[in-house]
Amino acid sequence: MIETRLLQYFLAIAEEQSITRAANYLHITQPALSRQMMDLEE
């Protein structure tokens, strides 16, 4: 089951069109956001 948080992260990346800007918007680090997206891909 996909966590709502992961979908929110994915949506933020899509809206910001940048993983770095999305990480800033979400107040998390870019590497942490990248790891979360790798988990979502799996």
Foldseek 3Di string as FASTA:
>chain_A
DDDPVLVVLVVLCVVVVHLCVSCVVVVHHSVVSVVSVVVVVD
